Amino acid sequence: MVSSKPMPTARAKVVNGKIVTKTKFPEGTKLILVVEEPQPAIELDDEDQKALDEAIAATREGKLIPVEAVRALLRTL
């Protein structure tokens, strides 16, 4: 089963070959590290930009797809 809880995040950087963060974790905590790299800008054509703007507006209005509907759709792929 996939959890729908938000995953806590923390920032860190490598200093002298070691990962350094101000965040405190309980002893034994397991972490997943993702390397943050600059990403190239995404260029959208007018149609894609319109679709993105509409999706953002719908989300702000609370028009969301229930997670169970998304899971059901993914199971069909």
PDB file of N, CA and C in Angstrom:
ATOM      1  N   MET A   1       0.841  -1.184   0.000  1.00  0.00           N
ATOM      2  CA  MET A   1       0.000   0.000   0.000  1.00  0.00           C
ATOM      3  C   MET A   1       0.882   1.241   0.000  1.00  0.00           C
ATOM      4  N   VAL A   2       0.521   2.229  -0.782  1.00  0.00           N
ATOM      5  CA  VAL A   2       1.273   3.469  -0.870  1.00  0.00           C
ATOM      6  C   VAL A   2       0.696   4.466   0.123  1.00  0.00           C
ATOM      7  N   SER A   3       1.571   5.095   0.890  1.00  0.00           N
ATOM      8  CA  SER A   3       1.128   6.081   1.871  1.00  0.00           C
ATOM      9  C   SER A   3       0.844   7.399   1.167  1.00  0.00           C
ATOM     10  N   SER A   4      -0.203   8.087   1.592  1.00  0.00           N
ATOM     11  CA  SER A   4      -0.497   9.389   1.006  1.00  0.00           C
ATOM     12  C   SER A   4      -0.092  10.514   1.952  1.00  0.00           C
ATOM     13  N   LYS A   5       0.637  10.183   3.012  1.00  0.00           N
ATOM     14  CA  LYS A   5       1.125  11.200   3.942  1.00  0.00           C
ATOM     15  C   LYS A   5       2.261  11.969   3.275  1.00  0.00           C
ATOM     16  N   PRO A   6       2.348  13.280   3.532  1.00  0.00           N
ATOM     17  CA  PRO A   6       3.471  14.021   2.970  1.00  0.00           C
ATOM     18  C   PRO A   6       4.777  13.552   3.611  1.00  0.00           C
ATOM     19  N   MET A   7       5.816  13.458   2.813  1.00  0.00           N
ATOM     20  CA  MET A   7       7.112  13.020   3.314  1.00  0.00           C
ATOM     21  C   MET A   7       7.843  14.235   3.884  1.00  0.00           C
ATOM     22  N   PRO A   8       8.321  14.147   5.137  1.00  0.00           N
ATOM     23  CA  PRO A   8       9.070  15.274   5.681  1.00  0.00           C
ATOM     24  C   PRO A   8      10.355  15.480   4.884  1.00  0.00           C
ATOM     25  N   THR A   9      10.761  16.714   4.754  1.00  0.00           N
ATOM     26  CA  THR A   9      11.976  17.010   4.005  1.00  0.00           C
ATOM     27  C   THR A   9      12.921  17.845   4.853  1.00  0.00           C
ATOM     28  N   ALA A  10      14.184  17.779   4.526  1.00  0.00           N
ATOM     29  CA  ALA A  10      15.205  18.591   5.181  1.00  0.00           C
ATOM     30  C   ALA A  10      16.258  18.911   4.135  1.00  0.00           C
ATOM     31  N   ARG A  11      16.900  20.037   4.289  1.00  0.00           N
ATOM     32  CA  ARG A  11      17.970  20.414   3.369  1.00  0.00           C
ATOM     33  C   ARG A  11      19.311  20.116   4.034  1.00  0.00           C
ATOM     34  N   ALA A  12      20.290  19.802   3.212  1.00  0.00           N
ATOM     35  CA  ALA A  12      21.633  19.528   3.698  1.00  0.00           C
ATOM     36  C   ALA A  12      22.614  19.867   2.590  1.00  0.00           C
ATOM     37  N   LYS A  13      23.879  19.927   2.940  1.00  0.00           N
ATOM     38  CA  LYS A  13      24.912  20.095   1.924  1.00  0.00           C
ATOM     39  C   LYS A  13      26.117  19.256   2.328  1.00  0.00           C
ATOM     40  N   VAL A  14      26.962  18.992   1.377  1.00  0.00           N
ATOM     41  CA  VAL A  14      28.161  18.204   1.642  1.00  0.00           C
ATOM     42  C   VAL A  14      29.289  19.164   1.981  1.00  0.00           C
ATOM     43  N   VAL A  15      29.925  18.924   3.145  1.00  0.00           N
ATOM     44  CA  VAL A  15      31.064  19.716   3.592  1.00  0.00           C
ATOM     45  C   VAL A  15      32.183  18.743   3.944  1.00  0.00           C
ATOM     46  N   ASN A  16      33.316  18.886   3.297  1.00  0.00           N
ATOM     47  CA  ASN A  16      34.452  17.976   3.519  1.00  0.00           C
ATOM     48  C   ASN A  16      34.025  16.511   3.371  1.00  0.00           C
ATOM     49  N   GLY A  17      33.163  16.237   2.387  1.00  0.00           N
ATOM     50  CA  GLY A  17      32.761  14.870   2.107  1.00  0.00           C
ATOM     51  C   GLY A  17      31.690  14.303   3.018  1.00  0.00           C
ATOM     52  N   LYS A  18      31.162  15.098   3.941  1.00  0.00           N
ATOM     53  CA  LYS A  18      30.123  14.612   4.856  1.00  0.00           C
ATOM     54  C   LYS A  18      28.846  15.427   4.680  1.00  0.00           C
ATOM     55  N   ILE A  19      27.711  14.759   4.888  1.00  0.00           N
ATOM     56  CA  ILE A  19      26.417  15.429   4.770  1.00  0.00           C
ATOM     57  C   ILE A  19      26.159  16.203   6.055  1.00  0.00           C
ATOM     58  N   VAL A  20      25.887  17.499   5.912  1.00  0.00           N
ATOM     59  CA  VAL A  20      25.679  18.369   7.068  1.00  0.00           C
ATOM     60  C   VAL A  20      24.295  19.005   6.970  1.00  0.00           C
ATOM     61  N   THR A  21      23.523  18.917   8.052  1.00  0.00           N
ATOM     62  CA  THR A  21      22.208  19.545   8.117  1.00  0.00           C
ATOM     63  C   THR A  21      21.976  20.078   9.519  1.00  0.00           C
ATOM     64  N   LYS A  22      21.156  21.107   9.647  1.00  0.00           N
ATOM     65  CA  LYS A  22      20.796  21.636  10.960  1.00  0.00           C
ATOM     66  C   LYS A  22      19.641  20.846  11.570  1.00  0.00           C
ATOM     67  N   THR A  23      18.983  20.031  10.746  1.00  0.00           N
ATOM     68  CA  THR A  23      17.843  19.247  11.203  1.00  0.00           C
ATOM     69  C   THR A  23      18.313  18.125  12.120  1.00  0.00           C
ATOM     70  N   LYS A  24      17.593  17.901  13.199  1.00  0.00           N
ATOM     71  CA  LYS A  24      17.908  16.817  14.128  1.00  0.00           C
ATOM     72  C   LYS A  24      16.996  15.627  13.840  1.00  0.00           C
ATOM     73  N   PHE A  25      17.579  14.442  13.751  1.00  0.00           N
ATOM     74  CA  PHE A  25      16.830  13.218  13.503  1.00  0.00           C
ATOM     75  C   PHE A  25      17.045  12.254  14.669  1.00  0.00           C
ATOM     76  N   PRO A  26      16.017  11.480  15.003  1.00  0.00           N
ATOM     77  CA  PRO A  26      16.208  10.464  16.039  1.00  0.00           C
ATOM     78  C   PRO A  26      17.251   9.432  15.598  1.00  0.00           C
ATOM     79  N   GLU A  27      17.992   8.902  16.550  1.00  0.00           N
ATOM     80  CA  GLU A  27      18.986   7.876  16.251  1.00  0.00           C
ATOM     81  C   GLU A  27      18.348   6.721  15.479  1.00  0.00           C
ATOM     82  N   GLY A  28      19.008   6.272  14.437  1.00  0.00           N
ATOM     83  CA  GLY A  28      18.515   5.150  13.650  1.00  0.00           C
ATOM     84  C   GLY A  28      17.584   5.541  12.508  1.00  0.00           C
ATOM     85  N   THR A  29      17.297   6.840  12.365  1.00  0.00           N
ATOM     86  CA  THR A  29      16.426   7.285  11.281  1.00  0.00           C
ATOM     87  C   THR A  29      17.068   6.956   9.937  1.00  0.00           C
ATOM     88  N   LYS A  30      16.274   6.376   9.041  1.00  0.00           N
ATOM     89  CA  LYS A  30      16.743   6.085   7.686  1.00  0.00           C
ATOM     90  C   LYS A  30      16.333   7.233   6.782  1.00  0.00           C
ATOM     91  N   LEU A  31      17.235   7.665   5.937  1.00  0.00           N
ATOM     92  CA  LEU A  31      16.987   8.806   5.056  1.00  0.00           C
ATOM     93  C   LEU A  31      17.123   8.391   3.598  1.00  0.00           C
ATOM     94  N   ILE A  32      16.377   9.068   2.745  1.00  0.00           N
ATOM     95  CA  ILE A  32      16.531   8.945   1.299  1.00  0.00           C
ATOM     96  C   ILE A  32      17.115  10.270   0.833  1.00  0.00           C
ATOM     97  N   LEU A  33      18.220  10.220   0.133  1.00  0.00           N
ATOM     98  CA  LEU A  33      18.868  11.440  -0.341  1.00  0.00           C
ATOM     99  C   LEU A  33      18.603  11.632  -1.822  1.00  0.00           C
ATOM    100  N   VAL A  34      18.291  12.857  -2.196  1.00  0.00           N
ATOM    101  CA  VAL A  34      18.083  13.212  -3.593  1.00  0.00           C
ATOM    102  C   VAL A  34      19.041  14.348  -3.912  1.00  0.00           C
ATOM    103  N   VAL A  35      19.869  14.155  -4.920  1.00  0.00           N
ATOM    104  CA  VAL A  35      20.821  15.188  -5.304  1.00  0.00           C
ATOM    105  C   VAL A  35      20.069  16.302  -6.018  1.00  0.00           C
ATOM    106  N   GLU A  36      20.237  17.505  -5.509  1.00  0.00           N
ATOM    107  CA  GLU A  36      19.558  18.658  -6.104  1.00  0.00           C
ATOM    108  C   GLU A  36      20.473  19.260  -7.159  1.00  0.00           C
ATOM    109  N   GLU A  37      20.016  19.221  -8.382  1.00  0.00           N
ATOM    110  CA  GLU A  37      20.791  19.775  -9.486  1.00  0.00           C
ATOM    111  C   GLU A  37      19.951  20.818 -10.199  1.00  0.00           C
ATOM    112  N   PRO A  38      20.598  21.850 -10.702  1.00  0.00           N
ATOM    113  CA  PRO A  38      19.838  22.837 -11.477  1.00  0.00           C
ATOM    114  C   PRO A  38      19.167  22.163 -12.664  1.00  0.00           C
ATOM    115  N   GLN A  39      17.926  22.507 -12.899  1.00  0.00           N
ATOM    116  CA  GLN A  39      17.173  21.934 -14.004  1.00  0.00           C
ATOM    117  C   GLN A  39      16.968  22.997 -15.077  1.00  0.00           C
ATOM    118  N   PRO A  40      17.007  22.575 -16.329  1.00  0.00           N
ATOM    119  CA  PRO A  40      16.768  23.564 -17.392  1.00  0.00           C
ATOM    120  C   PRO A  40      15.315  24.060 -17.341  1.00  0.00           C
ATOM    121  N   ALA A  41      15.127  25.265 -17.792  1.00  0.00           N
ATOM    122  CA  ALA A  41      13.784  25.830 -17.838  1.00  0.00           C
ATOM    123  C   ALA A  41      12.907  24.999 -18.765  1.00  0.00           C
ATOM    124  N   ILE A  42      11.644  24.888 -18.409  1.00  0.00           N
ATOM    125  CA  ILE A  42      10.688  24.160 -19.239  1.00  0.00           C
ATOM    126  C   ILE A  42       9.930  25.176 -20.072  1.00  0.00           C
ATOM    127  N   GLU A  43       9.942  24.981 -21.371  1.00  0.00           N
ATOM    128  CA  GLU A  43       9.226  25.883 -22.259  1.00  0.00           C
ATOM    129  C   GLU A  43       7.936  25.206 -22.695  1.00  0.00           C
ATOM    130  N   LEU A  44       6.818  25.864 -22.434  1.00  0.00           N
ATOM    131  CA  LEU A  44       5.509  25.335 -22.800  1.00  0.00           C
ATOM    132  C   LEU A  44       4.963  26.110 -23.984  1.00  0.00           C
ATOM    133  N   ASP A  45       4.285  25.382 -24.880  1.00  0.00           N
ATOM    134  CA  ASP A  45       3.597  26.093 -25.947  1.00  0.00           C
ATOM    135  C   ASP A  45       2.315  26.680 -25.355  1.00  0.00           C
ATOM    136  N   ASP A  46       1.605  27.490 -26.117  1.00  0.00           N
ATOM    137  CA  ASP A  46       0.416  28.180 -25.605  1.00  0.00           C
ATOM    138  C   ASP A  46      -0.641  27.205 -25.092  1.00  0.00           C
ATOM    139  N   GLU A  47      -0.838  26.089 -25.783  1.00  0.00           N
ATOM    140  CA  GLU A  47      -1.849  25.110 -25.385  1.00  0.00           C
ATOM    141  C   GLU A  47      -1.495  24.462 -24.038  1.00  0.00           C
ATOM    142  N   ASP A  48      -0.228  24.080 -23.891  1.00  0.00           N
ATOM    143  CA  ASP A  48       0.201  23.470 -22.630  1.00  0.00           C
ATOM    144  C   ASP A  48       0.162  24.480 -21.486  1.00  0.00           C
ATOM    145  N   GLN A  49       0.541  25.722 -21.746  1.00  0.00           N
ATOM    146  CA  GLN A  49       0.507  26.750 -20.706  1.00  0.00           C
ATOM    147  C   GLN A  49      -0.921  26.990 -20.235  1.00  0.00           C
ATOM    148  N   LYS A  50      -1.868  27.022 -21.187  1.00  0.00           N
ATOM    149  CA  LYS A  50      -3.273  27.201 -20.839  1.00  0.00           C
ATOM    150  C   LYS A  50      -3.760  26.034 -19.975  1.00  0.00           C
ATOM    151  N   ALA A  51      -3.412  24.802 -20.357  1.00  0.00           N
ATOM    152  CA  ALA A  51      -3.824  23.623 -19.589  1.00  0.00           C
ATOM    153  C   ALA A  51      -3.236  23.660 -18.186  1.00  0.00           C
ATOM    154  N   LEU A  52      -1.981  24.072 -18.054  1.00  0.00           N
ATOM    155  CA  LEU A  52      -1.348  24.170 -16.734  1.00  0.00           C
ATOM    156  C   LEU A  52      -2.031  25.239 -15.891  1.00  0.00           C
ATOM    157  N   ASP A  53      -2.294  26.393 -16.475  1.00  0.00           N
ATOM    158  CA  ASP A  53      -2.976  27.465 -15.742  1.00  0.00           C
ATOM    159  C   ASP A  53      -4.358  27.027 -15.261  1.00  0.00           C
ATOM    160  N   GLU A  54      -5.086  26.299 -16.114  1.00  0.00           N
ATOM    161  CA  GLU A  54      -6.420  25.809 -15.732  1.00  0.00           C
ATOM    162  C   GLU A  54      -6.329  24.784 -14.601  1.00  0.00           C
ATOM    163  N   ALA A  55      -5.329  23.920 -14.656  1.00  0.00           N
ATOM    164  CA  ALA A  55      -5.155  22.911 -13.611  1.00  0.00           C
ATOM    165  C   ALA A  55      -4.800  23.556 -12.277  1.00  0.00           C
ATOM    166  N   ILE A  56      -3.945  24.563 -12.311  1.00  0.00           N
ATOM    167  CA  ILE A  56      -3.587  25.279 -11.075  1.00  0.00           C
ATOM    168  C   ILE A  56      -4.808  25.984 -10.508  1.00  0.00           C
ATOM    169  N   ALA A  57      -5.594  26.635 -11.358  1.00  0.00           N
ATOM    170  CA  ALA A  57      -6.804  27.327 -10.901  1.00  0.00           C
ATOM    171  C   ALA A  57      -7.799  26.345 -10.298  1.00  0.00           C
ATOM    172  N   ALA A  58      -7.982  25.198 -10.938  1.00  0.00           N
ATOM    173  CA  ALA A  58      -8.910  24.186 -10.429  1.00  0.00           C
ATOM    174  C   ALA A  58      -8.455  23.683  -9.060  1.00  0.00           C
ATOM    175  N   THR A  59      -7.156  23.482  -8.906  1.00  0.00           N
ATOM    176  CA  THR A  59      -6.614  23.023  -7.625  1.00  0.00           C
ATOM    177  C   THR A  59      -6.875  24.057  -6.540  1.00  0.00           C
ATOM    178  N   ARG A  60      -6.647  25.312  -6.847  1.00  0.00           N
ATOM    179  CA  ARG A  60      -6.889  26.382  -5.865  1.00  0.00           C
ATOM    180  C   ARG A  60      -8.365  26.478  -5.483  1.00  0.00           C
ATOM    181  N   GLU A  61      -9.238  26.091  -6.404  1.00  0.00           N
ATOM    182  CA  GLU A  61     -10.681  26.100  -6.129  1.00  0.00           C
ATOM    183  C   GLU A  61     -11.137  24.833  -5.419  1.00  0.00           C
ATOM    184  N   GLY A  62     -10.203  23.938  -5.146  1.00  0.00           N
ATOM    185  CA  GLY A  62     -10.549  22.709  -4.436  1.00  0.00           C
ATOM    186  C   GLY A  62     -11.068  21.597  -5.330  1.00  0.00           C
ATOM    187  N   LYS A  63     -10.945  21.769  -6.623  1.00  0.00           N
ATOM    188  CA  LYS A  63     -11.411  20.747  -7.575  1.00  0.00           C
ATOM    189  C   LYS A  63     -10.283  19.747  -7.793  1.00  0.00           C
ATOM    190  N   LEU A  64     -10.206  18.783  -6.891  1.00  0.00           N
ATOM    191  CA  LEU A  64      -9.130  17.806  -6.926  1.00  0.00           C
ATOM    192  C   LEU A  64      -9.660  16.429  -7.265  1.00  0.00           C
ATOM    193  N   ILE A  65      -8.795  15.576  -7.750  1.00  0.00           N
ATOM    194  CA  ILE A  65      -9.158  14.186  -8.022  1.00  0.00           C
ATOM    195  C   ILE A  65      -8.844  13.390  -6.763  1.00  0.00           C
ATOM    196  N   PRO A  66      -9.814  12.658  -6.220  1.00  0.00           N
ATOM    197  CA  PRO A  66      -9.556  11.857  -5.022  1.00  0.00           C
ATOM    198  C   PRO A  66      -8.434  10.842  -5.269  1.00  0.00           C
ATOM    199  N   VAL A  67      -7.604  10.627  -4.273  1.00  0.00           N
ATOM    200  CA  VAL A  67      -6.453   9.743  -4.415  1.00  0.00           C
ATOM    201  C   VAL A  67      -6.867   8.335  -4.834  1.00  0.00           C
ATOM    202  N   GLU A  68      -8.004   7.860  -4.370  1.00  0.00           N
ATOM    203  CA  GLU A  68      -8.450   6.519  -4.764  1.00  0.00           C
ATOM    204  C   GLU A  68      -8.752   6.447  -6.262  1.00  0.00           C
ATOM    205  N   ALA A  69      -9.253   7.524  -6.831  1.00  0.00           N
ATOM    206  CA  ALA A  69      -9.516   7.547  -8.272  1.00  0.00           C
ATOM    207  C   ALA A  69      -8.210   7.503  -9.046  1.00  0.00           C
ATOM    208  N   VAL A  70      -7.186   8.197  -8.551  1.00  0.00           N
ATOM    209  CA  VAL A  70      -5.873   8.177  -9.207  1.00  0.00           C
ATOM    210  C   VAL A  70      -5.278   6.777  -9.110  1.00  0.00           C
ATOM    211  N   ARG A  71      -5.368   6.165  -7.931  1.00  0.00           N
ATOM    212  CA  ARG A  71      -4.847   4.806  -7.765  1.00  0.00           C
ATOM    213  C   ARG A  71      -5.549   3.820  -8.701  1.00  0.00           C
ATOM    214  N   ALA A  72      -6.856   3.946  -8.815  1.00  0.00           N
ATOM    215  CA  ALA A  72      -7.619   3.051  -9.694  1.00  0.00           C
ATOM    216  C   ALA A  72      -7.158   3.240 -11.144  1.00  0.00           C
ATOM    217  N   LEU A  73      -6.950   4.467 -11.539  1.00  0.00           N
ATOM    218  CA  LEU A  73      -6.477   4.743 -12.896  1.00  0.00           C
ATOM    219  C   LEU A  73      -5.086   4.138 -13.112  1.00  0.00           C
ATOM    220  N   LEU A  74      -4.197   4.302 -12.142  1.00  0.00           N
ATOM    221  CA  LEU A  74      -2.849   3.765 -12.281  1.00  0.00           C
ATOM    222  C   LEU A  74      -2.850   2.241 -12.382  1.00  0.00           C
ATOM    223  N   ARG A  75      -3.795   1.601 -11.693  1.00  0.00           N
ATOM    224  CA  ARG A  75      -3.868   0.132 -11.743  1.00  0.00           C
ATOM    225  C   ARG A  75      -4.229  -0.361 -13.147  1.00  0.00           C
ATOM    226  N   THR A  76      -4.868   0.487 -13.942  1.00  0.00           N
ATOM    227  CA  THR A  76      -5.267   0.072 -15.291  1.00  0.00           C
ATOM    228  C   THR A  76      -4.133   0.212 -16.302  1.00  0.00           C
ATOM    229  N   LEU A  77      -3.079   0.876 -15.935  1.00  0.00           N
ATOM    230  CA  LEU A  77      -1.964   1.113 -16.872  1.00  0.00           C
ATOM    231  C   LEU A  77      -1.051  -0.078 -16.974  1.00  0.00           C
TER     232      LEU A  77
END
